[in-house]
Amino acid sequence: MALFKKRTVGKPGEWFYCLEHGKVEEGPDCPGKNRMGPYGSREEARHAMQTAADRNLEWETDPRWHDKAGRGEDE
């Protein structure tokens, strides 16, 4: 007997992007470790990788995260 039940049906309108299969899914078809979401629409889920890339670039170029003190350097 399994300790945890697999969640097979998502909430209405939940969309995910599966990293393993590279596709949009309605509801959690694949394991959580392989998906991004939930998103409010199919279109948002379809752009999950671009959204992540945009956010990463924004964080990497944010001067608040790249100050000298944060890298252990003297001012």
PDB file of N, CA and C in Angstrom:
ATOM      1  N   MET A   1       0.841  -1.180   0.000  1.00  0.00           N
ATOM      2  CA  MET A   1       0.000   0.000   0.000  1.00  0.00           C
ATOM      3  C   MET A   1       0.889   1.247   0.000  1.00  0.00           C
ATOM      4  N   ALA A   2       0.600   2.158  -0.879  1.00  0.00           N
ATOM      5  CA  ALA A   2       1.389   3.382  -1.002  1.00  0.00           C
ATOM      6  C   ALA A   2       1.069   4.349   0.132  1.00  0.00           C
ATOM      7  N   LEU A   3       2.093   5.012   0.611  1.00  0.00           N
ATOM      8  CA  LEU A   3       1.895   6.001   1.662  1.00  0.00           C
ATOM      9  C   LEU A   3       1.279   7.282   1.127  1.00  0.00           C
ATOM     10  N   PHE A   4       1.629   7.631  -0.102  1.00  0.00           N
ATOM     11  CA  PHE A   4       1.137   8.851  -0.705  1.00  0.00           C
ATOM     12  C   PHE A   4       0.419   8.515  -1.995  1.00  0.00           C
ATOM     13  N   LYS A   5      -0.731   9.112  -2.177  1.00  0.00           N
ATOM     14  CA  LYS A   5      -1.474   8.895  -3.413  1.00  0.00           C
ATOM     15  C   LYS A   5      -0.944   9.840  -4.482  1.00  0.00           C
ATOM     16  N   LYS A   6      -0.831   9.351  -5.688  1.00  0.00           N
ATOM     17  CA  LYS A   6      -0.398  10.177  -6.806  1.00  0.00           C
ATOM     18  C   LYS A   6      -1.543  11.100  -7.195  1.00  0.00           C
ATOM     19  N   ARG A   7      -1.234  12.367  -7.287  1.00  0.00           N
ATOM     20  CA  ARG A   7      -2.241  13.339  -7.695  1.00  0.00           C
ATOM     21  C   ARG A   7      -2.382  13.235  -9.208  1.00  0.00           C
ATOM     22  N   THR A   8      -3.505  12.735  -9.646  1.00  0.00           N
ATOM     23  CA  THR A   8      -3.673  12.503 -11.074  1.00  0.00           C
ATOM     24  C   THR A   8      -4.482  13.592 -11.766  1.00  0.00           C
ATOM     25  N   VAL A   9      -5.284  14.320 -11.016  1.00  0.00           N
ATOM     26  CA  VAL A   9      -6.125  15.344 -11.625  1.00  0.00           C
ATOM     27  C   VAL A   9      -5.773  16.686 -11.013  1.00  0.00           C
ATOM     28  N   GLY A  10      -5.474  17.652 -11.863  1.00  0.00           N
ATOM     29  CA  GLY A  10      -5.166  18.985 -11.375  1.00  0.00           C
ATOM     30  C   GLY A  10      -6.422  19.810 -11.217  1.00  0.00           C
ATOM     31  N   LYS A  11      -6.249  20.991 -10.714  1.00  0.00           N
ATOM     32  CA  LYS A  11      -7.366  21.920 -10.603  1.00  0.00           C
ATOM     33  C   LYS A  11      -7.729  22.396 -11.999  1.00  0.00           C
ATOM     34  N   PRO A  12      -8.981  22.730 -12.231  1.00  0.00           N
ATOM     35  CA  PRO A  12      -9.367  23.237 -13.555  1.00  0.00           C
ATOM     36  C   PRO A  12      -8.540  24.463 -13.935  1.00  0.00           C
ATOM     37  N   GLY A  13      -8.011  24.455 -15.121  1.00  0.00           N
ATOM     38  CA  GLY A  13      -7.232  25.582 -15.618  1.00  0.00           C
ATOM     39  C   GLY A  13      -5.764  25.570 -15.248  1.00  0.00           C
ATOM     40  N   GLU A  14      -5.259  24.510 -14.620  1.00  0.00           N
ATOM     41  CA  GLU A  14      -3.831  24.417 -14.309  1.00  0.00           C
ATOM     42  C   GLU A  14      -3.077  23.882 -15.516  1.00  0.00           C
ATOM     43  N   TRP A  15      -2.047  24.590 -15.893  1.00  0.00           N
ATOM     44  CA  TRP A  15      -1.207  24.182 -17.016  1.00  0.00           C
ATOM     45  C   TRP A  15       0.228  24.085 -16.540  1.00  0.00           C
ATOM     46  N   PHE A  16       0.952  23.098 -17.051  1.00  0.00           N
ATOM     47  CA  PHE A  16       2.336  22.862 -16.668  1.00  0.00           C
ATOM     48  C   PHE A  16       3.194  22.701 -17.917  1.00  0.00           C
ATOM     49  N   TYR A  17       4.502  22.936 -17.762  1.00  0.00           N
ATOM     50  CA  TYR A  17       5.453  22.663 -18.827  1.00  0.00           C
ATOM     51  C   TYR A  17       6.329  21.518 -18.355  1.00  0.00           C
ATOM     52  N   CYS A  18       6.334  20.410 -19.084  1.00  0.00           N
ATOM     53  CA  CYS A  18       7.123  19.243 -18.726  1.00  0.00           C
ATOM     54  C   CYS A  18       8.533  19.395 -19.297  1.00  0.00           C
ATOM     55  N   LEU A  19       9.523  19.414 -18.409  1.00  0.00           N
ATOM     56  CA  LEU A  19      10.915  19.562 -18.826  1.00  0.00           C
ATOM     57  C   LEU A  19      11.439  18.308 -19.510  1.00  0.00           C
ATOM     58  N   GLU A  20      10.966  17.152 -19.100  1.00  0.00           N
ATOM     59  CA  GLU A  20      11.433  15.894 -19.676  1.00  0.00           C
ATOM     60  C   GLU A  20      10.944  15.710 -21.110  1.00  0.00           C
ATOM     61  N   HIS A  21       9.680  16.020 -21.339  1.00  0.00           N
ATOM     62  CA  HIS A  21       9.089  15.808 -22.663  1.00  0.00           C
ATOM     63  C   HIS A  21       9.053  17.071 -23.524  1.00  0.00           C
ATOM     64  N   GLY A  22       9.322  18.238 -22.910  1.00  0.00           N
ATOM     65  CA  GLY A  22       9.314  19.489 -23.657  1.00  0.00           C
ATOM     66  C   GLY A  22       7.951  19.842 -24.202  1.00  0.00           C
ATOM     67  N   LYS A  23       6.905  19.592 -23.390  1.00  0.00           N
ATOM     68  CA  LYS A  23       5.552  19.872 -23.877  1.00  0.00           C
ATOM     69  C   LYS A  23       4.693  20.452 -22.768  1.00  0.00           C
ATOM     70  N   VAL A  24       3.607  21.075 -23.173  1.00  0.00           N
ATOM     71  CA  VAL A  24       2.632  21.646 -22.263  1.00  0.00           C
ATOM     72  C   VAL A  24       1.635  20.561 -21.883  1.00  0.00           C
ATOM     73  N   GLU A  25       1.282  20.535 -20.592  1.00  0.00           N
ATOM     74  CA  GLU A  25       0.329  19.544 -20.095  1.00  0.00           C
ATOM     75  C   GLU A  25      -0.776  20.251 -19.315  1.00  0.00           C
ATOM     76  N   GLU A  26      -1.984  19.765 -19.462  1.00  0.00           N
ATOM     77  CA  GLU A  26      -3.056  20.253 -18.604  1.00  0.00           C
ATOM     78  C   GLU A  26      -3.151  19.303 -17.429  1.00  0.00           C
ATOM     79  N   GLY A  27      -2.974  19.830 -16.236  1.00  0.00           N
ATOM     80  CA  GLY A  27      -2.942  18.986 -15.055  1.00  0.00           C
ATOM     81  C   GLY A  27      -1.564  18.379 -14.887  1.00  0.00           C
ATOM     82  N   PRO A  28      -1.287  17.855 -13.706  1.00  0.00           N
ATOM     83  CA  PRO A  28       0.040  17.306 -13.433  1.00  0.00           C
ATOM     84  C   PRO A  28       0.212  15.883 -13.946  1.00  0.00           C
ATOM     85  N   ASP A  29       0.511  15.733 -15.223  1.00  0.00           N
ATOM     86  CA  ASP A  29       0.718  14.402 -15.800  1.00  0.00           C
ATOM     87  C   ASP A  29       2.054  13.799 -15.384  1.00  0.00           C
ATOM     88  N   CYS A  30       3.108  14.597 -15.403  1.00  0.00           N
ATOM     89  CA  CYS A  30       4.447  14.114 -15.076  1.00  0.00           C
ATOM     90  C   CYS A  30       4.797  14.472 -13.635  1.00  0.00           C
ATOM     91  N   PRO A  31       5.803  13.809 -13.063  1.00  0.00           N
ATOM     92  CA  PRO A  31       6.211  14.106 -11.684  1.00  0.00           C
ATOM     93  C   PRO A  31       6.634  15.570 -11.510  1.00  0.00           C
ATOM     94  N   GLY A  32       6.448  16.085 -10.311  1.00  0.00           N
ATOM     95  CA  GLY A  32       6.770  17.474 -10.010  1.00  0.00           C
ATOM     96  C   GLY A  32       8.208  17.853 -10.311  1.00  0.00           C
ATOM     97  N   LYS A  33       9.132  16.905 -10.173  1.00  0.00           N
ATOM     98  CA  LYS A  33      10.544  17.212 -10.431  1.00  0.00           C
ATOM     99  C   LYS A  33      10.811  17.511 -11.899  1.00  0.00           C
ATOM    100  N   ASN A  34       9.870  17.155 -12.770  1.00  0.00           N
ATOM    101  CA  ASN A  34      10.055  17.331 -14.214  1.00  0.00           C
ATOM    102  C   ASN A  34       9.189  18.421 -14.812  1.00  0.00           C
ATOM    103  N   ARG A  35       8.522  19.219 -13.978  1.00  0.00           N
ATOM    104  CA  ARG A  35       7.613  20.194 -14.565  1.00  0.00           C
ATOM    105  C   ARG A  35       7.736  21.560 -13.919  1.00  0.00           C
ATOM    106  N   MET A  36       7.323  22.569 -14.663  1.00  0.00           N
ATOM    107  CA  MET A  36       7.265  23.946 -14.191  1.00  0.00           C
ATOM    108  C   MET A  36       5.799  24.353 -14.202  1.00  0.00           C
ATOM    109  N   GLY A  37       5.390  25.094 -13.188  1.00  0.00           N
ATOM    110  CA  GLY A  37       4.015  25.553 -13.150  1.00  0.00           C
ATOM    111  C   GLY A  37       3.442  25.415 -11.765  1.00  0.00           C
ATOM    112  N   PRO A  38       2.196  25.644 -11.585  1.00  0.00           N
ATOM    113  CA  PRO A  38       1.166  25.780 -12.612  1.00  0.00           C
ATOM    114  C   PRO A  38       1.117  27.186 -13.200  1.00  0.00           C
ATOM    115  N   TYR A  39       0.625  27.237 -14.410  1.00  0.00           N
ATOM    116  CA  TYR A  39       0.404  28.485 -15.123  1.00  0.00           C
ATOM    117  C   TYR A  39      -1.097  28.641 -15.342  1.00  0.00           C
ATOM    118  N   GLY A  40      -1.531  29.868 -15.536  1.00  0.00           N
ATOM    119  CA  GLY A  40      -2.948  30.158 -15.701  1.00  0.00           C
ATOM    120  C   GLY A  40      -3.505  29.837 -17.068  1.00  0.00           C
ATOM    121  N   SER A  41      -2.630  29.655 -18.049  1.00  0.00           N
ATOM    122  CA  SER A  41      -3.115  29.359 -19.404  1.00  0.00           C
ATOM    123  C   SER A  41      -2.107  28.476 -20.140  1.00  0.00           C
ATOM    124  N   ARG A  42      -2.577  27.872 -21.208  1.00  0.00           N
ATOM    125  CA  ARG A  42      -1.711  27.054 -22.056  1.00  0.00           C
ATOM    126  C   ARG A  42      -0.582  27.905 -22.631  1.00  0.00           C
ATOM    127  N   GLU A  43      -0.914  29.126 -23.020  1.00  0.00           N
ATOM    128  CA  GLU A  43       0.072  30.023 -23.637  1.00  0.00           C
ATOM    129  C   GLU A  43       1.193  30.377 -22.653  1.00  0.00           C
ATOM    130  N   GLU A  44       0.848  30.658 -21.401  1.00  0.00           N
ATOM    131  CA  GLU A  44       1.871  30.944 -20.385  1.00  0.00           C
ATOM    132  C   GLU A  44       2.781  29.741 -20.192  1.00  0.00           C
ATOM    133  N   ALA A  45       2.203  28.555 -20.120  1.00  0.00           N
ATOM    134  CA  ALA A  45       2.997  27.339 -19.942  1.00  0.00           C
ATOM    135  C   ALA A  45       3.898  27.101 -21.148  1.00  0.00           C
ATOM    136  N   ARG A  46       3.405  27.425 -22.331  1.00  0.00           N
ATOM    137  CA  ARG A  46       4.193  27.221 -23.555  1.00  0.00           C
ATOM    138  C   ARG A  46       5.460  28.074 -23.540  1.00  0.00           C
ATOM    139  N   HIS A  47       5.398  29.224 -22.870  1.00  0.00           N
ATOM    140  CA  HIS A  47       6.545  30.133 -22.805  1.00  0.00           C
ATOM    141  C   HIS A  47       7.337  29.984 -21.506  1.00  0.00           C
ATOM    142  N   ALA A  48       7.178  28.881 -20.795  1.00  0.00           N
ATOM    143  CA  ALA A  48       7.816  28.689 -19.487  1.00  0.00           C
ATOM    144  C   ALA A  48       9.329  28.823 -19.559  1.00  0.00           C
ATOM    145  N   MET A  49       9.966  28.227 -20.536  1.00  0.00           N
ATOM    146  CA  MET A  49      11.423  28.268 -20.620  1.00  0.00           C
ATOM    147  C   MET A  49      11.922  29.682 -20.923  1.00  0.00           C
ATOM    148  N   GLN A  50      11.220  30.414 -21.770  1.00  0.00           N
ATOM    149  CA  GLN A  50      11.616  31.790 -22.079  1.00  0.00           C
ATOM    150  C   GLN A  50      11.414  32.682 -20.860  1.00  0.00           C
ATOM    151  N   THR A  51      10.316  32.471 -20.142  1.00  0.00           N
ATOM    152  CA  THR A  51      10.060  33.237 -18.925  1.00  0.00           C
ATOM    153  C   THR A  51      11.172  32.998 -17.910  1.00  0.00           C
ATOM    154  N   ALA A  52      11.576  31.745 -17.740  1.00  0.00           N
ATOM    155  CA  ALA A  52      12.661  31.415 -16.809  1.00  0.00           C
ATOM    156  C   ALA A  52      13.973  32.057 -17.255  1.00  0.00           C
ATOM    157  N   ALA A  53      14.267  32.014 -18.546  1.00  0.00           N
ATOM    158  CA  ALA A  53      15.498  32.617 -19.063  1.00  0.00           C
ATOM    159  C   ALA A  53      15.492  34.133 -18.851  1.00  0.00           C
ATOM    160  N   ASP A  54      14.348  34.766 -19.089  1.00  0.00           N
ATOM    161  CA  ASP A  54      14.238  36.210 -18.886  1.00  0.00           C
ATOM    162  C   ASP A  54      14.452  36.574 -17.419  1.00  0.00           C
ATOM    163  N   ARG A  55      13.844  35.800 -16.533  1.00  0.00           N
ATOM    164  CA  ARG A  55      14.000  36.076 -15.095  1.00  0.00           C
ATOM    165  C   ARG A  55      15.436  35.846 -14.642  1.00  0.00           C
ATOM    166  N   ASN A  56      16.067  34.797 -15.139  1.00  0.00           N
ATOM    167  CA  ASN A  56      17.474  34.539 -14.783  1.00  0.00           C
ATOM    168  C   ASN A  56      18.364  35.684 -15.231  1.00  0.00           C
ATOM    169  N   LEU A  57      18.161  36.170 -16.443  1.00  0.00           N
ATOM    170  CA  LEU A  57      18.955  37.286 -16.954  1.00  0.00           C
ATOM    171  C   LEU A  57      18.729  38.535 -16.103  1.00  0.00           C
ATOM    172  N   GLU A  58      17.486  38.767 -15.729  1.00  0.00           N
ATOM    173  CA  GLU A  58      17.169  39.921 -14.899  1.00  0.00           C
ATOM    174  C   GLU A  58      17.884  39.824 -13.550  1.00  0.00           C
ATOM    175  N   TRP A  59      17.891  38.647 -12.945  1.00  0.00           N
ATOM    176  CA  TRP A  59      18.553  38.464 -11.654  1.00  0.00           C
ATOM    177  C   TRP A  59      20.072  38.550 -11.796  1.00  0.00           C
ATOM    178  N   GLU A  60      20.612  37.998 -12.871  1.00  0.00           N
ATOM    179  CA  GLU A  60      22.061  38.014 -13.071  1.00  0.00           C
ATOM    180  C   GLU A  60      22.594  39.415 -13.301  1.00  0.00           C
ATOM    181  N   THR A  61      21.780  40.294 -13.832  1.00  0.00           N
ATOM    182  CA  THR A  61      22.229  41.655 -14.113  1.00  0.00           C
ATOM    183  C   THR A  61      21.740  42.659 -13.075  1.00  0.00           C
ATOM    184  N   ASP A  62      21.126  42.194 -12.010  1.00  0.00           N
ATOM    185  CA  ASP A  62      20.643  43.074 -10.950  1.00  0.00           C
ATOM    186  C   ASP A  62      21.829  43.497 -10.083  1.00  0.00           C
ATOM    187  N   PRO A  63      22.138  44.789 -10.025  1.00  0.00           N
ATOM    188  CA  PRO A  63      23.305  45.242  -9.264  1.00  0.00           C
ATOM    189  C   PRO A  63      23.205  44.948  -7.768  1.00  0.00           C
ATOM    190  N   ARG A  64      22.000  44.771  -7.253  1.00  0.00           N
ATOM    191  CA  ARG A  64      21.859  44.462  -5.825  1.00  0.00           C
ATOM    192  C   ARG A  64      22.445  43.095  -5.483  1.00  0.00           C
ATOM    193  N   TRP A  65      22.570  42.193  -6.466  1.00  0.00           N
ATOM    194  CA  TRP A  65      23.107  40.852  -6.219  1.00  0.00           C
ATOM    195  C   TRP A  65      24.578  40.753  -6.577  1.00  0.00           C
ATOM    196  N   HIS A  66      25.146  41.820  -7.110  1.00  0.00           N
ATOM    197  CA  HIS A  66      26.534  41.768  -7.569  1.00  0.00           C
ATOM    198  C   HIS A  66      27.373  42.891  -6.968  1.00  0.00           C
ATOM    199  N   ASP A  67      27.126  43.187  -5.705  1.00  0.00           N
ATOM    200  CA  ASP A  67      27.944  44.206  -5.063  1.00  0.00           C
ATOM    201  C   ASP A  67      29.266  43.599  -4.603  1.00  0.00           C
ATOM    202  N   LYS A  68      30.260  44.431  -4.373  1.00  0.00           N
ATOM    203  CA  LYS A  68      31.593  43.946  -3.981  1.00  0.00           C
ATOM    204  C   LYS A  68      31.550  43.227  -2.650  1.00  0.00           C
ATOM    205  N   ALA A  69      30.778  43.727  -1.702  1.00  0.00           N
ATOM    206  CA  ALA A  69      30.709  43.122  -0.381  1.00  0.00           C
ATOM    207  C   ALA A  69      30.156  41.701  -0.471  1.00  0.00           C
ATOM    208  N   GLY A  70      29.241  41.457  -1.385  1.00  0.00           N
ATOM    209  CA  GLY A  70      28.653  40.123  -1.538  1.00  0.00           C
ATOM    210  C   GLY A  70      29.628  39.098  -2.076  1.00  0.00           C
ATOM    211  N   ARG A  71      30.685  39.544  -2.756  1.00  0.00           N
ATOM    212  CA  ARG A  71      31.689  38.629  -3.303  1.00  0.00           C
ATOM    213  C   ARG A  71      32.893  38.496  -2.386  1.00  0.00           C
ATOM    214  N   GLY A  72      32.839  39.149  -1.227  1.00  0.00           N
ATOM    215  CA  GLY A  72      33.954  39.061  -0.301  1.00  0.00           C
ATOM    216  C   GLY A  72      35.096  40.008  -0.629  1.00  0.00           C
ATOM    217  N   GLU A  73      34.864  40.974  -1.508  1.00  0.00           N
ATOM    218  CA  GLU A  73      35.908  41.938  -1.876  1.00  0.00           C
ATOM    219  C   GLU A  73      35.751  43.185  -1.016  1.00  0.00           C
ATOM    220  N   ASP A  74      36.838  43.894  -0.821  1.00  0.00           N
ATOM    221  CA  ASP A  74      36.799  45.160  -0.083  1.00  0.00           C
ATOM    222  C   ASP A  74      36.305  46.242  -1.019  1.00  0.00           C
ATOM    223  N   GLU A  75      35.644  47.244  -0.418  1.00  0.00           N
ATOM    224  CA  GLU A  75      35.117  48.343  -1.245  1.00  0.00           C
ATOM    225  C   GLU A  75      36.161  49.315  -1.619  1.00  0.00           C
TER     226      GLU A  75
END
